PDB file of N, CA and C in Angstrom:
ATOM      1  N   CYS A   1       0.828  -1.177   0.000  1.00  0.00           N
ATOM      2  CA  CYS A   1       0.000   0.000   0.000  1.00  0.00           C
ATOM      3  C   CYS A   1       0.877   1.247   0.000  1.00  0.00           C
ATOM      4  N   GLY A   2       0.604   2.188  -0.867  1.00  0.00           N
ATOM      5  CA  GLY A   2       1.347   3.447  -0.898  1.00  0.00           C
ATOM      6  C   GLY A   2       2.664   3.398  -1.638  1.00  0.00           C
ATOM      7  N   GLN A   3       3.003   2.270  -2.243  1.00  0.00           N
ATOM      8  CA  GLN A   3       4.256   2.178  -2.982  1.00  0.00           C
ATOM      9  C   GLN A   3       3.968   1.793  -4.427  1.00  0.00           C
ATOM     10  N   ALA A   4       4.589   2.528  -5.341  1.00  0.00           N
ATOM     11  CA  ALA A   4       4.436   2.209  -6.758  1.00  0.00           C
ATOM     12  C   ALA A   4       5.192   0.921  -7.061  1.00  0.00           C
ATOM     13  N   PRO A   5       4.705   0.115  -7.993  1.00  0.00           N
ATOM     14  CA  PRO A   5       5.424  -1.108  -8.348  1.00  0.00           C
ATOM     15  C   PRO A   5       6.765  -0.766  -8.995  1.00  0.00           C
ATOM     16  N   LEU A   6       7.774  -1.554  -8.677  1.00  0.00           N
ATOM     17  CA  LEU A   6       9.102  -1.343  -9.241  1.00  0.00           C
ATOM     18  C   LEU A   6       9.104  -1.766 -10.704  1.00  0.00           C
ATOM     19  N   ASN A   7       9.527  -0.873 -11.583  1.00  0.00           N
ATOM     20  CA  ASN A   7       9.641  -1.175 -13.000  1.00  0.00           C
ATOM     21  C   ASN A   7      11.046  -0.788 -13.430  1.00  0.00           C
ATOM     22  N   ASN A   8      11.910  -1.763 -13.568  1.00  0.00           N
ATOM     23  CA  ASN A   8      13.299  -1.476 -13.905  1.00  0.00           C
ATOM     24  C   ASN A   8      13.607  -1.722 -15.378  1.00  0.00           C
ATOM     25  N   LYS A   9      12.610  -1.689 -16.230  1.00  0.00           N
ATOM     26  CA  LYS A   9      12.822  -1.892 -17.657  1.00  0.00           C
ATOM     27  C   LYS A   9      13.238  -0.586 -18.319  1.00  0.00           C
ATOM     28  N   ILE A  10      14.128  -0.689 -19.266  1.00  0.00           N
ATOM     29  CA  ILE A  10      14.534   0.452 -20.079  1.00  0.00           C
ATOM     30  C   ILE A  10      13.739   0.367 -21.375  1.00  0.00           C
ATOM     31  N   VAL A  11      12.971   1.389 -21.674  1.00  0.00           N
ATOM     32  CA  VAL A  11      12.114   1.391 -22.850  1.00  0.00           C
ATOM     33  C   VAL A  11      12.908   1.882 -24.055  1.00  0.00           C
ATOM     34  N   GLY A  12      12.952   1.091 -25.101  1.00  0.00           N
ATOM     35  CA  GLY A  12      13.626   1.486 -26.334  1.00  0.00           C
ATOM     36  C   GLY A  12      15.140   1.419 -26.266  1.00  0.00           C
ATOM     37  N   GLY A  13      15.692   0.797 -25.239  1.00  0.00           N
ATOM     38  CA  GLY A  13      17.145   0.709 -25.098  1.00  0.00           C
ATOM     39  C   GLY A  13      17.747  -0.369 -25.985  1.00  0.00           C
ATOM     40  N   GLU A  14      19.063  -0.354 -26.083  1.00  0.00           N
ATOM     41  CA  GLU A  14      19.783  -1.359 -26.860  1.00  0.00           C
ATOM     42  C   GLU A  14      20.919  -1.909 -26.014  1.00  0.00           C
ATOM     43  N   ASP A  15      21.231  -3.187 -26.192  1.00  0.00           N
ATOM     44  CA  ASP A  15      22.372  -3.773 -25.512  1.00  0.00           C
ATOM     45  C   ASP A  15      23.652  -3.121 -26.015  1.00  0.00           C
ATOM     46  N   ALA A  16      24.560  -2.840 -25.103  1.00  0.00           N
ATOM     47  CA  ALA A  16      25.865  -2.290 -25.476  1.00  0.00           C
ATOM     48  C   ALA A  16      26.808  -3.440 -25.809  1.00  0.00           C
ATOM     49  N   THR A  17      27.660  -3.234 -26.774  1.00  0.00           N
ATOM     50  CA  THR A  17      28.652  -4.254 -27.100  1.00  0.00           C
ATOM     51  C   THR A  17      29.788  -4.182 -26.083  1.00  0.00           C
ATOM     52  N   THR A  18      30.393  -5.321 -25.817  1.00  0.00           N
ATOM     53  CA  THR A  18      31.506  -5.378 -24.875  1.00  0.00           C
ATOM     54  C   THR A  18      32.601  -4.406 -25.301  1.00  0.00           C
ATOM     55  N   GLY A  19      33.049  -3.587 -24.365  1.00  0.00           N
ATOM     56  CA  GLY A  19      34.123  -2.636 -24.631  1.00  0.00           C
ATOM     57  C   GLY A  19      33.678  -1.283 -25.144  1.00  0.00           C
ATOM     58  N   SER A  20      32.377  -1.086 -25.367  1.00  0.00           N
ATOM     59  CA  SER A  20      31.917   0.195 -25.907  1.00  0.00           C
ATOM     60  C   SER A  20      31.911   1.306 -24.857  1.00  0.00           C
ATOM     61  N   TRP A  21      31.954   0.973 -23.579  1.00  0.00           N
ATOM     62  CA  TRP A  21      32.016   1.948 -22.485  1.00  0.00           C
ATOM     63  C   TRP A  21      33.146   1.516 -21.544  1.00  0.00           C
ATOM     64  N   PRO A  22      34.401   1.614 -21.955  1.00  0.00           N
ATOM     65  CA  PRO A  22      35.520   1.024 -21.205  1.00  0.00           C
ATOM     66  C   PRO A  22      35.791   1.649 -19.836  1.00  0.00           C
ATOM     67  N   TRP A  23      35.245   2.803 -19.549  1.00  0.00           N
ATOM     68  CA  TRP A  23      35.449   3.452 -18.252  1.00  0.00           C
ATOM     69  C   TRP A  23      34.349   3.108 -17.253  1.00  0.00           C
ATOM     70  N   GLN A  24      33.310   2.434 -17.695  1.00  0.00           N
ATOM     71  CA  GLN A  24      32.166   2.094 -16.842  1.00  0.00           C
ATOM     72  C   GLN A  24      32.462   0.825 -16.052  1.00  0.00           C
ATOM     73  N   VAL A  25      32.162   0.852 -14.748  1.00  0.00           N
ATOM     74  CA  VAL A  25      32.471  -0.271 -13.863  1.00  0.00           C
ATOM     75  C   VAL A  25      31.192  -0.788 -13.205  1.00  0.00           C
ATOM     76  N   SER A  26      31.063  -2.083 -13.112  1.00  0.00           N
ATOM     77  CA  SER A  26      29.989  -2.719 -12.344  1.00  0.00           C
ATOM     78  C   SER A  26      30.610  -3.244 -11.056  1.00  0.00           C
ATOM     79  N   ILE A  27      30.176  -2.704  -9.916  1.00  0.00           N
ATOM     80  CA  ILE A  27      30.674  -3.161  -8.619  1.00  0.00           C
ATOM     81  C   ILE A  27      29.744  -4.279  -8.160  1.00  0.00           C
ATOM     82  N   GLN A  28      30.322  -5.461  -7.928  1.00  0.00           N
ATOM     83  CA  GLN A  28      29.519  -6.642  -7.635  1.00  0.00           C
ATOM     84  C   GLN A  28      29.967  -7.296  -6.337  1.00  0.00           C
ATOM     85  N   SER A  29      29.044  -8.003  -5.712  1.00  0.00           N
ATOM     86  CA  SER A  29      29.326  -8.662  -4.440  1.00  0.00           C
ATOM     87  C   SER A  29      28.493  -9.923  -4.308  1.00  0.00           C
ATOM     88  N   VAL A  30      29.086 -10.962  -3.768  1.00  0.00           N
ATOM     89  CA  VAL A  30      28.351 -12.189  -3.481  1.00  0.00           C
ATOM     90  C   VAL A  30      27.272 -11.904  -2.443  1.00  0.00           C
ATOM     91  N   LYS A  31      27.566 -11.022  -1.481  1.00  0.00           N
ATOM     92  CA  LYS A  31      26.610 -10.671  -0.422  1.00  0.00           C
ATOM     93  C   LYS A  31      25.297 -10.135  -0.996  1.00  0.00           C
ATOM     94  N   PHE A  32      25.376  -9.318  -2.048  1.00  0.00           N
ATOM     95  CA  PHE A  32      24.189  -8.718  -2.650  1.00  0.00           C
ATOM     96  C   PHE A  32      23.648  -9.532  -3.826  1.00  0.00           C
ATOM     97  N   GLY A  33      24.331 -10.573  -4.204  1.00  0.00           N
ATOM     98  CA  GLY A  33      23.849 -11.444  -5.266  1.00  0.00           C
ATOM     99  C   GLY A  33      24.302 -11.067  -6.657  1.00  0.00           C
ATOM    100  N   ALA A  34      24.959  -9.940  -6.842  1.00  0.00           N
ATOM    101  CA  ALA A  34      25.461  -9.518  -8.151  1.00  0.00           C
ATOM    102  C   ALA A  34      25.803  -8.033  -8.101  1.00  0.00           C
ATOM    103  N   HIS A  35      25.480  -7.332  -9.177  1.00  0.00           N
ATOM    104  CA  HIS A  35      25.740  -5.897  -9.290  1.00  0.00           C
ATOM    105  C   HIS A  35      24.978  -5.131  -8.212  1.00  0.00           C
ATOM    106  N   PHE A  36      25.664  -4.222  -7.494  1.00  0.00           N
ATOM    107  CA  PHE A  36      24.956  -3.387  -6.527  1.00  0.00           C
ATOM    108  C   PHE A  36      25.261  -1.911  -6.678  1.00  0.00           C
ATOM    109  N   CYS A  37      26.230  -1.546  -7.473  1.00  0.00           N
ATOM    110  CA  CYS A  37      26.550  -0.128  -7.676  1.00  0.00           C
ATOM    111  C   CYS A  37      27.413   0.009  -8.927  1.00  0.00           C
ATOM    112  N   GLY A  38      27.525   1.221  -9.416  1.00  0.00           N
ATOM    113  CA  GLY A  38      28.356   1.492 -10.575  1.00  0.00           C
ATOM    114  C   GLY A  38      29.475   2.449 -10.239  1.00  0.00           C
ATOM    115  N   GLY A  39      30.398   2.592 -11.151  1.00  0.00           N
ATOM    116  CA  GLY A  39      31.504   3.512 -10.961  1.00  0.00           C
ATOM    117  C   GLY A  39      32.148   3.843 -12.289  1.00  0.00           C
ATOM    118  N   SER A  40      33.141   4.733 -12.210  1.00  0.00           N
ATOM    119  CA  SER A  40      33.901   5.129 -13.394  1.00  0.00           C
ATOM    120  C   SER A  40      35.376   4.880 -13.146  1.00  0.00           C
ATOM    121  N   LEU A  41      36.029   4.252 -14.091  1.00  0.00           N
ATOM    122  CA  LEU A  41      37.463   4.017 -14.012  1.00  0.00           C
ATOM    123  C   LEU A  41      38.169   5.335 -14.287  1.00  0.00           C
ATOM    124  N   ILE A  42      38.899   5.865 -13.273  1.00  0.00           N
ATOM    125  CA  ILE A  42      39.561   7.158 -13.459  1.00  0.00           C
ATOM    126  C   ILE A  42      41.066   7.017 -13.698  1.00  0.00           C
ATOM    127  N   THR A  43      41.659   5.901 -13.310  1.00  0.00           N
ATOM    128  CA  THR A  43      43.009   5.492 -13.713  1.00  0.00           C
ATOM    129  C   THR A  43      42.958   3.976 -13.837  1.00  0.00           C
ATOM    130  N   LYS A  44      44.062   3.352 -14.188  1.00  0.00           N
ATOM    131  CA  LYS A  44      44.043   1.896 -14.332  1.00  0.00           C
ATOM    132  C   LYS A  44      43.837   1.182 -13.006  1.00  0.00           C
ATOM    133  N   ASP A  45      44.075   1.880 -11.879  1.00  0.00           N
ATOM    134  CA  ASP A  45      43.955   1.263 -10.556  1.00  0.00           C
ATOM    135  C   ASP A  45      42.862   1.852  -9.671  1.00  0.00           C
ATOM    136  N   TRP A  46      42.164   2.915 -10.115  1.00  0.00           N
ATOM    137  CA  TRP A  46      41.201   3.606  -9.254  1.00  0.00           C
ATOM    138  C   TRP A  46      39.831   3.720  -9.910  1.00  0.00           C
ATOM    139  N   VAL A  47      38.800   3.436  -9.096  1.00  0.00           N
ATOM    140  CA  VAL A  47      37.403   3.562  -9.522  1.00  0.00           C
ATOM    141  C   VAL A  47      36.739   4.631  -8.669  1.00  0.00           C
ATOM    142  N   LEU A  48      36.023   5.552  -9.288  1.00  0.00           N
ATOM    143  CA  LEU A  48      35.250   6.570  -8.582  1.00  0.00           C
ATOM    144  C   LEU A  48      33.803   6.106  -8.530  1.00  0.00           C
ATOM    145  N   SER A  49      33.253   6.063  -7.299  1.00  0.00           N
ATOM    146  CA  SER A  49      31.875   5.633  -7.106  1.00  0.00           C
ATOM    147  C   SER A  49      31.221   6.533  -6.073  1.00  0.00           C
ATOM    148  N   ALA A  50      29.937   6.339  -5.845  1.00  0.00           N
ATOM    149  CA  ALA A  50      29.197   7.125  -4.856  1.00  0.00           C
ATOM    150  C   ALA A  50      29.432   6.562  -3.454  1.00  0.00           C
ATOM    151  N   ALA A  51      29.449   7.442  -2.463  1.00  0.00           N
ATOM    152  CA  ALA A  51      29.696   7.038  -1.076  1.00  0.00           C
ATOM    153  C   ALA A  51      28.646   6.055  -0.569  1.00  0.00           C
ATOM    154  N   HIS A  52      27.393   6.216  -0.994  1.00  0.00           N
ATOM    155  CA  HIS A  52      26.342   5.331  -0.474  1.00  0.00           C
ATOM    156  C   HIS A  52      26.546   3.869  -0.876  1.00  0.00           C
ATOM    157  N   CYS A  53      27.380   3.629  -1.858  1.00  0.00           N
ATOM    158  CA  CYS A  53      27.649   2.248  -2.264  1.00  0.00           C
ATOM    159  C   CYS A  53      28.377   1.461  -1.176  1.00  0.00           C
ATOM    160  N   PHE A  54      29.083   2.162  -0.303  1.00  0.00           N
ATOM    161  CA  PHE A  54      29.938   1.486   0.675  1.00  0.00           C
ATOM    162  C   PHE A  54      29.619   1.850   2.110  1.00  0.00           C
ATOM    163  N   GLN A  55      28.465   2.437   2.348  1.00  0.00           N
ATOM    164  CA  GLN A  55      28.078   2.790   3.721  1.00  0.00           C
ATOM    165  C   GLN A  55      27.220   1.722   4.325  1.00  0.00           C
TER     166      GLN A  55
END
């Protein structure tokens, strides 16, 4: 009651080919079952992500 149904579909989207967004990172964890946050590769060793991903 009082909550809209979750709809996580992208309308009219297309699958990206592997390597087309090389700076985009999927942060994944066994604890969460898979992807739980995103980030951007800012050097070969550093990923920039949002603070709420790790709080």
